[in-house]
Amino acid sequence: MLIRYKRNHEKIAMGLLSFVPTEKDLKKLQQTIKEYEQNEQWQLYLWKQEEDIIGIIGVSIIDKNFVEIQHVSVNPSHRHQGIGKQMIKALKDMYTNAQIKPSELVAPFYEKCEENEQ
């Protein structure tokens, strides 16, 4: 289940985002979290399974008709279980009236999810 990021999730969110190749540097990671906290156009969601938060997906809302996925990350011990795909599906269910596209960084993963859906 997707839940909206709150500041008390900061450490978990930073941990999950640190698995994204472009977010390895601590300063860059802190800057990204700050952007999600302060920019209303950037929304961060955590994937909660039972009591654990095991994934994260971040979007940039370009306008009411267009949402771009900026980040997708799943805890390595929970990978290859379809969680990333579930997060994308939940995001599509959340933004039913918008076109959802991946950023350049997320595109390869997104396309893989789309292929497996057909």
N, C-alpha and C. Protein backbone atom coordinates (compact mmCIF):
# COMPACT_ATOMS: atom_id res chain seq x y z
N MET A 1 0.84 -1.17 0.00
CA MET A 1 0.00 0.00 0.00
C MET A 1 0.89 1.25 0.00
N LEU A 2 0.54 2.19 -0.87
CA LEU A 2 1.28 3.45 -0.92
C LEU A 2 0.80 4.38 0.19
N ILE A 3 1.76 4.96 0.90
CA ILE A 3 1.44 5.98 1.90
C ILE A 3 2.26 7.22 1.59
N ARG A 4 1.71 8.36 1.89
CA ARG A 4 2.39 9.63 1.61
C ARG A 4 3.56 9.81 2.57
N TYR A 5 4.67 10.28 2.05
CA TYR A 5 5.87 10.55 2.86
C TYR A 5 5.57 11.62 3.90
N LYS A 6 6.05 11.39 5.10
CA LYS A 6 6.02 12.38 6.17
C LYS A 6 7.43 12.52 6.70
N ARG A 7 7.71 13.64 7.31
CA ARG A 7 9.06 13.93 7.79
C ARG A 7 9.59 12.85 8.76
N ASN A 8 8.70 12.22 9.54
CA ASN A 8 9.18 11.20 10.47
C ASN A 8 9.62 9.92 9.74
N HIS A 9 9.42 9.87 8.42
CA HIS A 9 9.90 8.75 7.60
C HIS A 9 11.24 9.08 6.92
N GLU A 10 11.83 10.21 7.29
CA GLU A 10 13.01 10.70 6.57
C GLU A 10 14.15 9.67 6.48
N LYS A 11 14.49 9.03 7.58
CA LYS A 11 15.62 8.08 7.56
C LYS A 11 15.32 6.88 6.68
N ILE A 12 14.10 6.37 6.75
CA ILE A 12 13.72 5.24 5.91
C ILE A 12 13.74 5.66 4.45
N ALA A 13 13.18 6.84 4.16
CA ALA A 13 13.14 7.33 2.79
C ALA A 13 14.55 7.54 2.23
N MET A 14 15.43 8.12 3.04
CA MET A 14 16.81 8.33 2.59
C MET A 14 17.51 6.99 2.35
N GLY A 15 17.24 6.03 3.22
CA GLY A 15 17.84 4.71 3.04
C GLY A 15 17.40 4.07 1.74
N LEU A 16 16.11 4.13 1.45
CA LEU A 16 15.60 3.54 0.21
C LEU A 16 16.07 4.31 -1.02
N LEU A 17 16.07 5.64 -0.94
CA LEU A 17 16.55 6.44 -2.07
C LEU A 17 18.04 6.25 -2.33
N SER A 18 18.79 5.89 -1.29
CA SER A 18 20.23 5.72 -1.47
C SER A 18 20.56 4.54 -2.39
N PHE A 19 19.58 3.67 -2.66
CA PHE A 19 19.79 2.57 -3.60
C PHE A 19 19.68 3.02 -5.06
N VAL A 20 19.16 4.23 -5.28
CA VAL A 20 19.05 4.79 -6.63
C VAL A 20 20.45 5.26 -7.03
N PRO A 21 20.95 4.82 -8.20
CA PRO A 21 22.33 5.15 -8.59
C PRO A 21 22.68 6.64 -8.54
N THR A 22 21.75 7.53 -8.87
CA THR A 22 22.05 8.96 -8.86
C THR A 22 22.00 9.57 -7.47
N GLU A 23 21.60 8.80 -6.47
CA GLU A 23 21.43 9.33 -5.11
C GLU A 23 22.45 8.78 -4.12
N LYS A 24 23.58 8.31 -4.61
CA LYS A 24 24.61 7.72 -3.73
C LYS A 24 25.29 8.76 -2.83
N ASP A 25 25.48 9.96 -3.37
CA ASP A 25 26.15 11.03 -2.63
C ASP A 25 25.21 11.59 -1.56
N LEU A 26 25.69 11.69 -0.33
CA LEU A 26 24.86 12.14 0.80
C LEU A 26 24.27 13.52 0.56
N LYS A 27 25.08 14.46 0.07
CA LYS A 27 24.58 15.82 -0.16
C LYS A 27 23.47 15.81 -1.21
N LYS A 28 23.65 15.04 -2.27
CA LYS A 28 22.63 14.94 -3.33
C LYS A 28 21.36 14.31 -2.76
N LEU A 29 21.52 13.29 -1.94
CA LEU A 29 20.39 12.60 -1.31
C LEU A 29 19.61 13.56 -0.40
N GLN A 30 20.32 14.33 0.41
CA GLN A 30 19.67 15.30 1.30
C GLN A 30 18.93 16.37 0.49
N GLN A 31 19.53 16.77 -0.61
CA GLN A 31 18.92 17.77 -1.49
C GLN A 31 17.62 17.21 -2.11
N THR A 32 17.65 15.96 -2.51
CA THR A 32 16.46 15.32 -3.09
C THR A 32 15.33 15.24 -2.08
N ILE A 33 15.64 14.79 -0.87
CA ILE A 33 14.63 14.71 0.19
C ILE A 33 14.05 16.09 0.48
N LYS A 34 14.91 17.09 0.54
CA LYS A 34 14.46 18.46 0.79
C LYS A 34 13.50 18.93 -0.31
N GLU A 35 13.82 18.57 -1.55
CA GLU A 35 12.95 18.93 -2.68
C GLU A 35 11.57 18.30 -2.52
N TYR A 36 11.53 17.02 -2.13
CA TYR A 36 10.25 16.34 -1.91
C TYR A 36 9.48 16.97 -0.74
N GLU A 37 10.19 17.45 0.25
CA GLU A 37 9.53 18.05 1.42
C GLU A 37 8.99 19.45 1.13
N GLN A 38 9.71 20.21 0.30
CA GLN A 38 9.38 21.62 0.13
C GLN A 38 8.64 21.97 -1.16
N ASN A 39 8.80 21.18 -2.19
CA ASN A 39 8.19 21.47 -3.48
C ASN A 39 6.85 20.73 -3.58
N GLU A 40 5.77 21.47 -3.66
CA GLU A 40 4.44 20.84 -3.72
C GLU A 40 4.24 20.01 -4.98
N GLN A 41 5.02 20.28 -6.00
CA GLN A 41 4.91 19.53 -7.26
C GLN A 41 5.60 18.16 -7.16
N TRP A 42 6.44 17.98 -6.18
CA TRP A 42 7.15 16.71 -5.99
C TRP A 42 6.48 15.95 -4.86
N GLN A 43 6.05 14.73 -5.14
CA GLN A 43 5.37 13.91 -4.15
C GLN A 43 6.13 12.60 -3.97
N LEU A 44 6.32 12.22 -2.73
CA LEU A 44 7.05 11.00 -2.40
C LEU A 44 6.10 10.06 -1.67
N TYR A 45 6.10 8.80 -2.09
CA TYR A 45 5.25 7.79 -1.49
C TYR A 45 6.08 6.60 -1.06
N LEU A 46 5.70 6.02 0.06
CA LEU A 46 6.39 4.85 0.59
C LEU A 46 5.48 3.64 0.40
N TRP A 47 6.08 2.49 0.16
CA TRP A 47 5.31 1.26 0.00
C TRP A 47 5.39 0.48 1.30
N LYS A 48 4.23 0.32 1.93
CA LYS A 48 4.17 -0.37 3.21
C LYS A 48 3.56 -1.74 2.98
N GLN A 49 4.27 -2.76 3.45
CA GLN A 49 3.80 -4.13 3.36
C GLN A 49 3.80 -4.69 4.78
N GLU A 50 2.62 -5.02 5.25
CA GLU A 50 2.43 -5.39 6.65
C GLU A 50 2.89 -4.20 7.49
N GLU A 51 3.90 -4.38 8.32
CA GLU A 51 4.36 -3.26 9.16
C GLU A 51 5.64 -2.61 8.63
N ASP A 52 6.18 -3.14 7.55
CA ASP A 52 7.47 -2.65 7.05
C ASP A 52 7.32 -1.74 5.83
N ILE A 53 8.16 -0.73 5.78
CA ILE A 53 8.25 0.12 4.60
C ILE A 53 9.40 -0.44 3.78
N ILE A 54 9.08 -0.92 2.57
CA ILE A 54 10.09 -1.63 1.79
C ILE A 54 10.35 -1.03 0.42
N GLY A 55 9.61 0.02 0.07
CA GLY A 55 9.81 0.63 -1.23
C GLY A 55 9.46 2.11 -1.20
N ILE A 56 9.89 2.80 -2.26
CA ILE A 56 9.65 4.23 -2.35
C ILE A 56 9.48 4.59 -3.82
N ILE A 57 8.56 5.52 -4.07
CA ILE A 57 8.35 6.01 -5.43
C ILE A 57 8.09 7.51 -5.34
N GLY A 58 8.79 8.27 -6.17
CA GLY A 58 8.66 9.72 -6.15
C GLY A 58 8.26 10.24 -7.51
N VAL A 59 7.35 11.21 -7.50
CA VAL A 59 6.86 11.78 -8.75
C VAL A 59 6.97 13.30 -8.76
N SER A 60 6.97 13.81 -9.96
CA SER A 60 6.90 15.25 -10.18
C SER A 60 5.60 15.50 -10.93
N ILE A 61 4.75 16.33 -10.36
CA ILE A 61 3.48 16.63 -11.00
C ILE A 61 3.69 17.84 -11.91
N ILE A 62 3.77 17.56 -13.20
CA ILE A 62 4.02 18.63 -14.17
C ILE A 62 2.78 19.52 -14.28
N ASP A 63 1.63 18.89 -14.45
CA ASP A 63 0.33 19.56 -14.38
C ASP A 63 -0.72 18.50 -14.09
N LYS A 64 -2.00 18.89 -14.08
CA LYS A 64 -3.03 17.92 -13.67
C LYS A 64 -3.16 16.75 -14.64
N ASN A 65 -2.59 16.87 -15.83
CA ASN A 65 -2.69 15.81 -16.83
C ASN A 65 -1.40 15.02 -17.03
N PHE A 66 -0.34 15.41 -16.32
CA PHE A 66 0.95 14.78 -16.59
C PHE A 66 1.77 14.61 -15.31
N VAL A 67 2.15 13.38 -15.01
CA VAL A 67 2.94 13.05 -13.83
C VAL A 67 4.17 12.28 -14.30
N GLU A 68 5.34 12.70 -13.82
CA GLU A 68 6.58 12.03 -14.19
C GLU A 68 7.16 11.30 -12.98
N ILE A 69 7.45 10.03 -13.15
CA ILE A 69 8.07 9.25 -12.07
C ILE A 69 9.55 9.59 -12.04
N GLN A 70 10.01 10.09 -10.89
CA GLN A 70 11.41 10.50 -10.72
C GLN A 70 12.28 9.40 -10.11
N HIS A 71 11.73 8.70 -9.15
CA HIS A 71 12.50 7.69 -8.41
C HIS A 71 11.64 6.46 -8.13
N VAL A 72 12.25 5.30 -8.21
CA VAL A 72 11.62 4.05 -7.77
C VAL A 72 12.73 3.24 -7.12
N SER A 73 12.47 2.77 -5.91
CA SER A 73 13.47 1.95 -5.22
C SER A 73 12.77 0.97 -4.29
N VAL A 74 13.32 -0.24 -4.26
CA VAL A 74 12.81 -1.29 -3.37
C VAL A 74 13.98 -1.82 -2.57
N ASN A 75 13.74 -2.08 -1.29
CA ASN A 75 14.76 -2.67 -0.43
C ASN A 75 15.31 -3.91 -1.13
N PRO A 76 16.65 -4.04 -1.23
CA PRO A 76 17.24 -5.18 -1.94
C PRO A 76 16.75 -6.55 -1.48
N SER A 77 16.42 -6.70 -0.21
CA SER A 77 15.97 -8.01 0.27
C SER A 77 14.53 -8.33 -0.16
N HIS A 78 13.86 -7.36 -0.79
CA HIS A 78 12.48 -7.57 -1.26
C HIS A 78 12.36 -7.43 -2.77
N ARG A 79 13.48 -7.38 -3.46
CA ARG A 79 13.44 -7.22 -4.91
C ARG A 79 13.04 -8.52 -5.60
N HIS A 80 12.65 -8.37 -6.86
CA HIS A 80 12.23 -9.51 -7.71
C HIS A 80 10.97 -10.19 -7.18
N GLN A 81 10.13 -9.41 -6.50
CA GLN A 81 8.85 -9.93 -5.99
C GLN A 81 7.67 -9.14 -6.58
N GLY A 82 7.96 -8.25 -7.53
CA GLY A 82 6.89 -7.47 -8.16
C GLY A 82 6.47 -6.23 -7.40
N ILE A 83 7.25 -5.82 -6.40
CA ILE A 83 6.87 -4.66 -5.58
C ILE A 83 6.96 -3.36 -6.38
N GLY A 84 8.00 -3.21 -7.16
CA GLY A 84 8.12 -2.01 -8.00
C GLY A 84 6.95 -1.90 -8.95
N LYS A 85 6.57 -3.00 -9.53
CA LYS A 85 5.43 -3.04 -10.44
C LYS A 85 4.13 -2.68 -9.69
N GLN A 86 3.99 -3.19 -8.47
CA GLN A 86 2.81 -2.88 -7.65
C GLN A 86 2.75 -1.38 -7.32
N MET A 87 3.93 -0.80 -7.05
CA MET A 87 3.97 0.63 -6.74
C MET A 87 3.53 1.46 -7.95
N ILE A 88 4.00 1.08 -9.13
CA ILE A 88 3.62 1.80 -10.35
C ILE A 88 2.12 1.66 -10.60
N LYS A 89 1.59 0.46 -10.41
CA LYS A 89 0.14 0.25 -10.59
C LYS A 89 -0.65 1.09 -9.59
N ALA A 90 -0.22 1.12 -8.34
CA ALA A 90 -0.90 1.92 -7.31
C ALA A 90 -0.85 3.41 -7.67
N LEU A 91 0.27 3.84 -8.22
CA LEU A 91 0.42 5.23 -8.64
C LEU A 91 -0.56 5.55 -9.77
N LYS A 92 -0.66 4.64 -10.73
CA LYS A 92 -1.61 4.82 -11.84
C LYS A 92 -3.04 4.89 -11.30
N ASP A 93 -3.35 4.07 -10.30
CA ASP A 93 -4.68 4.09 -9.70
C ASP A 93 -4.94 5.41 -8.96
N MET A 94 -3.88 5.99 -8.43
CA MET A 94 -3.99 7.24 -7.68
C MET A 94 -4.17 8.44 -8.62
N TYR A 95 -3.47 8.42 -9.73
CA TYR A 95 -3.53 9.52 -10.71
C TYR A 95 -4.26 9.05 -11.97
N THR A 96 -5.51 8.66 -11.81
CA THR A 96 -6.27 8.08 -12.92
C THR A 96 -6.48 9.03 -14.10
N ASN A 97 -6.54 10.33 -13.84
CA ASN A 97 -6.80 11.29 -14.92
C ASN A 97 -5.53 11.87 -15.54
N ALA A 98 -4.39 11.39 -15.10
CA ALA A 98 -3.13 11.93 -15.61
C ALA A 98 -2.37 10.88 -16.41
N GLN A 99 -1.60 11.37 -17.35
CA GLN A 99 -0.70 10.50 -18.09
C GLN A 99 0.56 10.34 -17.23
N ILE A 100 0.97 9.10 -17.00
CA ILE A 100 2.15 8.85 -16.18
C ILE A 100 3.28 8.39 -17.08
N LYS A 101 4.38 9.10 -16.98
CA LYS A 101 5.57 8.77 -17.77
C LYS A 101 6.77 8.68 -16.85
N PRO A 102 7.71 7.84 -17.18
CA PRO A 102 8.92 7.75 -16.35
C PRO A 102 9.95 8.79 -16.76
N SER A 103 10.79 9.18 -15.81
CA SER A 103 11.93 10.03 -16.14
C SER A 103 12.93 9.16 -16.91
N GLU A 104 13.94 9.77 -17.44
CA GLU A 104 14.97 9.02 -18.18
C GLU A 104 15.59 7.94 -17.29
N LEU A 105 15.81 8.27 -16.03
CA LEU A 105 16.41 7.34 -15.07
C LEU A 105 15.52 6.12 -14.83
N VAL A 106 14.23 6.33 -14.74
CA VAL A 106 13.27 5.28 -14.40
C VAL A 106 12.79 4.51 -15.63
N ALA A 107 12.95 5.09 -16.82
CA ALA A 107 12.40 4.52 -18.06
C ALA A 107 12.70 3.03 -18.27
N PRO A 108 13.95 2.56 -18.12
CA PRO A 108 14.20 1.13 -18.36
C PRO A 108 13.38 0.21 -17.45
N PHE A 109 13.27 0.57 -16.17
CA PHE A 109 12.49 -0.23 -15.24
C PHE A 109 11.00 -0.15 -15.58
N TYR A 110 10.51 1.03 -15.88
CA TYR A 110 9.10 1.25 -16.21
C TYR A 110 8.71 0.43 -17.44
N GLU A 111 9.56 0.47 -18.46
CA GLU A 111 9.28 -0.27 -19.70
C GLU A 111 9.25 -1.77 -19.44
N LYS A 112 10.13 -2.25 -18.56
CA LYS A 112 10.14 -3.67 -18.20
C LYS A 112 8.82 -4.05 -17.52
N CYS A 113 8.33 -3.18 -16.65
CA CYS A 113 7.04 -3.42 -15.97
C CYS A 113 5.90 -3.46 -16.98
N GLU A 114 5.93 -2.54 -17.95
CA GLU A 114 4.89 -2.48 -18.96
C GLU A 114 4.89 -3.73 -19.84
N GLU A 115 6.09 -4.21 -20.19
CA GLU A 115 6.22 -5.42 -21.02
C GLU A 115 5.63 -6.62 -20.29
N ASN A 116 5.92 -6.74 -19.00
CA ASN A 116 5.44 -7.88 -18.22
C ASN A 116 3.94 -7.84 -17.99
N GLU A 117 3.35 -6.65 -18.20
CA GLU A 117 1.92 -6.50 -17.96
C GLU A 117 1.11 -7.08 -19.12
N GLN A 118 1.71 -7.10 -20.29
CA GLN A 118 0.99 -7.55 -21.48
C GLN A 118 1.04 -9.04 -21.68
